[in-house]
Amino acid sequence: HILVKMTDPNNPTEEEAAKLKEVQDLLALGKSFEETAKEYSDDGSASNGGSLGVCDNKTNFVEAFKTKMLEMNEGEVSEPVKSEYGYHIIKIDSTDKETIKEQLSASDSALKDWSSDTFYDQYLEYIVFNSYNVQYGDETIEKAVTDYVKSALEQRETSRQG
C-alpha cells in the first residue's frame, strides 16, 4: 500500500498531484513496490515496504480502499484509489491461504516478526490484539497468531526481569 496524502483529494495541490504521478511513473518503470512505498508513502506502513499484513473483508479500512482491495487478484497493482486521506495504490501479494500459512510459519516472516524494528513494543501489540474480536476462518492461522502474541508477551516479561 502506498498512500499519497492530500489535504483535499478532490482538488489536489500541484505538489500532491506531482508526487502521485511520480509514484505511478516509478512503478511503471519497474521500481519495486516495496522500495517505492518506503520512499514515498505517507503512511505508517512505509517503513515496512507498504505491507499491511494479512487483510480480508473484515479488516478496518476506508470503504473505497477495502472495496478495491477485495476486487483485486494476486500480483495486481491498482490504479490510484481516492479516499478522504488522498490516493492509495494497492498491491496484492497473495490471496492463497496456503501461501499465507507458509508465510506466517516461516521463522523469518515479516508478518510475525514482532521483535523487529518494524513493529512497536510487544506489549502494545498484545493490548491491540486483545482489543479486537478477531475471527479466524483457519485454525493454522489462528494458532500462528495466538502463539506469537503469547511469545511476544513472554519475551517482554523476560526482558523486564533481566
Protein backbone atom coordinates (compact mmCIF):
# COMPACT_ATOMS: atom_id res chain seq x y z
CA HIS A 1 0.00 0.00 0.00
CA ILE A 2 1.27 3.43 -0.93
CA LEU A 3 -0.62 6.48 0.29
CA VAL A 4 -0.11 9.92 -1.18
CA LYS A 5 -1.85 12.13 1.38
CA MET A 6 -3.81 15.10 0.15
CA THR A 7 -5.49 17.92 2.00
CA ASP A 8 -8.39 17.79 -0.47
CA PRO A 9 -8.28 14.68 -2.69
CA ASN A 10 -10.93 16.23 -4.97
CA ASN A 11 -8.68 19.21 -5.59
CA PRO A 12 -5.02 18.20 -5.10
CA THR A 13 -2.28 20.80 -4.98
CA GLU A 14 0.31 20.80 -7.76
CA GLU A 15 2.81 19.25 -5.34
CA GLU A 16 0.41 16.48 -4.29
CA ALA A 17 -0.54 15.68 -7.90
CA ALA A 18 3.13 15.66 -8.93
CA LYS A 19 4.01 13.25 -6.13
CA LEU A 20 1.22 10.86 -7.14
CA LYS A 21 2.34 10.99 -10.78
CA GLU A 22 5.96 10.38 -9.75
CA VAL A 23 4.94 7.28 -7.77
CA GLN A 24 2.91 5.97 -10.74
CA ASP A 25 5.81 6.66 -13.13
CA LEU A 26 8.34 4.89 -10.90
CA LEU A 27 6.13 1.81 -10.63
CA ALA A 28 5.52 1.85 -14.41
CA LEU A 29 9.29 1.96 -14.98
CA GLY A 30 9.71 -1.16 -12.83
CA LYS A 31 10.85 0.24 -9.50
CA SER A 32 9.91 -2.22 -6.77
CA PHE A 33 6.65 -1.54 -4.99
CA GLU A 34 8.30 -2.02 -1.61
CA GLU A 35 11.10 0.49 -2.25
CA THR A 36 8.65 3.00 -3.71
CA ALA A 37 6.44 2.63 -0.63
CA LYS A 38 9.41 3.15 1.70
CA GLU A 39 10.40 6.34 -0.10
CA TYR A 40 7.04 7.89 -0.98
CA SER A 41 4.17 6.57 1.12
CA ASP A 42 2.65 8.95 3.66
CA ASP A 43 1.55 6.04 5.82
CA GLY A 44 2.87 4.14 8.83
CA SER A 45 3.32 1.04 6.67
CA ALA A 46 6.02 2.80 4.61
CA SER A 47 8.86 1.56 6.83
CA ASN A 48 7.68 -1.99 6.15
CA GLY A 49 7.61 -1.56 2.38
CA GLY A 50 3.90 -0.75 2.44
CA SER A 51 2.93 -4.11 3.93
CA LEU A 52 -0.39 -4.11 5.77
CA GLY A 53 -0.10 -7.76 6.73
CA VAL A 54 -2.91 -10.24 6.26
CA CYS A 55 -6.13 -8.43 5.32
CA ASP A 56 -9.64 -9.58 4.48
CA ASN A 57 -13.20 -8.26 4.21
CA LYS A 58 -13.30 -7.72 7.99
CA THR A 59 -10.16 -5.55 8.07
CA ASN A 60 -10.93 -1.99 9.12
CA PHE A 61 -10.03 0.10 6.06
CA VAL A 62 -11.79 3.04 4.44
CA GLU A 63 -14.53 1.72 2.16
CA ALA A 64 -13.02 2.75 -1.20
CA PHE A 65 -9.72 1.08 -0.28
CA LYS A 66 -11.34 -2.11 1.01
CA THR A 67 -13.68 -2.41 -1.99
CA LYS A 68 -10.79 -2.14 -4.46
CA MET A 69 -8.55 -4.47 -2.42
CA LEU A 70 -11.21 -7.19 -2.41
CA GLU A 71 -11.69 -6.92 -6.20
CA MET A 72 -8.01 -7.45 -6.95
CA ASN A 73 -6.11 -10.61 -7.82
CA GLU A 74 -2.77 -11.86 -6.59
CA GLY A 75 0.15 -9.88 -8.06
CA GLU A 76 -2.02 -6.95 -9.17
CA VAL A 77 -1.17 -3.30 -8.55
CA SER A 78 -4.11 -0.91 -8.60
CA GLU A 79 -4.56 2.43 -10.23
CA PRO A 80 -4.81 5.20 -7.60
CA VAL A 81 -7.85 4.80 -5.35
CA LYS A 82 -9.28 8.02 -3.90
CA SER A 83 -10.31 8.23 -0.24
CA GLU A 84 -10.69 11.06 2.22
CA TYR A 85 -6.95 10.68 3.01
CA GLY A 86 -5.65 11.04 -0.53
CA TYR A 87 -4.82 8.42 -3.13
CA HIS A 88 -3.84 4.82 -2.38
CA ILE A 89 -2.01 2.42 -4.67
CA ILE A 90 -2.59 -1.16 -3.61
CA LYS A 91 -0.56 -4.27 -4.36
CA ILE A 92 -1.88 -7.74 -3.61
CA ASP A 93 0.95 -10.12 -2.72
CA SER A 94 -1.07 -13.25 -2.14
CA THR A 95 -4.65 -14.44 -1.99
CA ASP A 96 -3.81 -18.07 -1.35
CA LYS A 97 -4.46 -19.33 2.19
CA GLU A 98 -1.72 -21.95 1.91
CA THR A 99 0.84 -19.31 0.91
CA ILE A 100 -0.26 -17.08 3.78
CA LYS A 101 0.04 -20.02 6.21
CA GLU A 102 3.58 -20.67 4.94
CA GLN A 103 4.50 -17.01 5.37
CA LEU A 104 3.16 -17.00 8.91
CA SER A 105 5.05 -20.22 9.71
CA ALA A 106 8.41 -19.10 8.30
CA SER A 107 10.90 -18.31 11.04
CA ASP A 108 11.92 -15.04 9.34
CA SER A 109 8.40 -13.93 8.41
CA ALA A 110 7.92 -10.16 8.43
CA LEU A 111 4.24 -10.87 9.05
CA LYS A 112 5.00 -12.17 12.52
CA ASP A 113 8.41 -10.81 13.49
CA TRP A 114 7.13 -8.70 16.31
CA SER A 115 10.60 -8.23 17.74
CA SER A 116 11.79 -6.38 14.62
CA ASP A 117 12.04 -2.62 14.40
CA THR A 118 9.07 -2.58 12.03
CA PHE A 119 6.75 -3.33 14.93
CA TYR A 120 6.07 -1.49 18.16
CA ASP A 121 6.55 -2.69 21.72
CA GLN A 122 5.29 -6.26 22.08
CA TYR A 123 3.04 -5.37 24.96
CA LEU A 124 1.25 -2.75 22.87
CA GLU A 125 0.63 -5.44 20.26
CA TYR A 126 -0.75 -7.72 22.94
CA ILE A 127 -3.12 -4.97 24.07
CA VAL A 128 -4.20 -4.23 20.49
CA PHE A 129 -4.62 -7.94 19.74
CA ASN A 130 -6.85 -8.36 22.80
CA SER A 131 -8.85 -5.22 21.98
CA TYR A 132 -10.37 -6.70 18.83
CA ASN A 133 -12.73 -9.60 18.44
CA VAL A 134 -10.66 -11.34 15.78
CA GLN A 135 -12.46 -14.16 13.99
CA TYR A 136 -10.37 -16.76 12.17
CA GLY A 137 -11.52 -18.90 9.30
CA ASP A 138 -8.46 -21.11 9.54
CA GLU A 139 -7.08 -22.88 12.62
CA THR A 140 -3.46 -22.78 11.39
CA ILE A 141 -3.51 -19.00 11.06
CA GLU A 142 -5.26 -18.61 14.41
CA LYS A 143 -2.66 -20.79 16.13
CA ALA A 144 0.25 -18.95 14.48
CA VAL A 145 -1.08 -15.55 15.53
CA THR A 146 -2.00 -16.53 19.09
CA ASP A 147 1.32 -18.35 19.60
CA TYR A 148 3.24 -15.24 18.55
CA VAL A 149 1.20 -12.93 20.72
CA LYS A 150 1.88 -15.23 23.67
CA SER A 151 5.58 -15.46 22.74
CA ALA A 152 5.86 -11.66 22.44
CA LEU A 153 4.33 -11.19 25.87
CA GLU A 154 6.65 -13.81 27.38
CA GLN A 155 9.70 -12.17 25.73
CA ARG A 156 8.68 -8.80 27.11
CA GLU A 157 8.21 -10.21 30.59
CA THR A 158 11.60 -11.97 30.46
CA SER A 159 13.35 -8.80 29.27
CA ARG A 160 11.83 -6.80 32.12
CA GLN A 161 13.06 -9.32 34.70
CA GLY A 162 16.66 -9.33 33.39
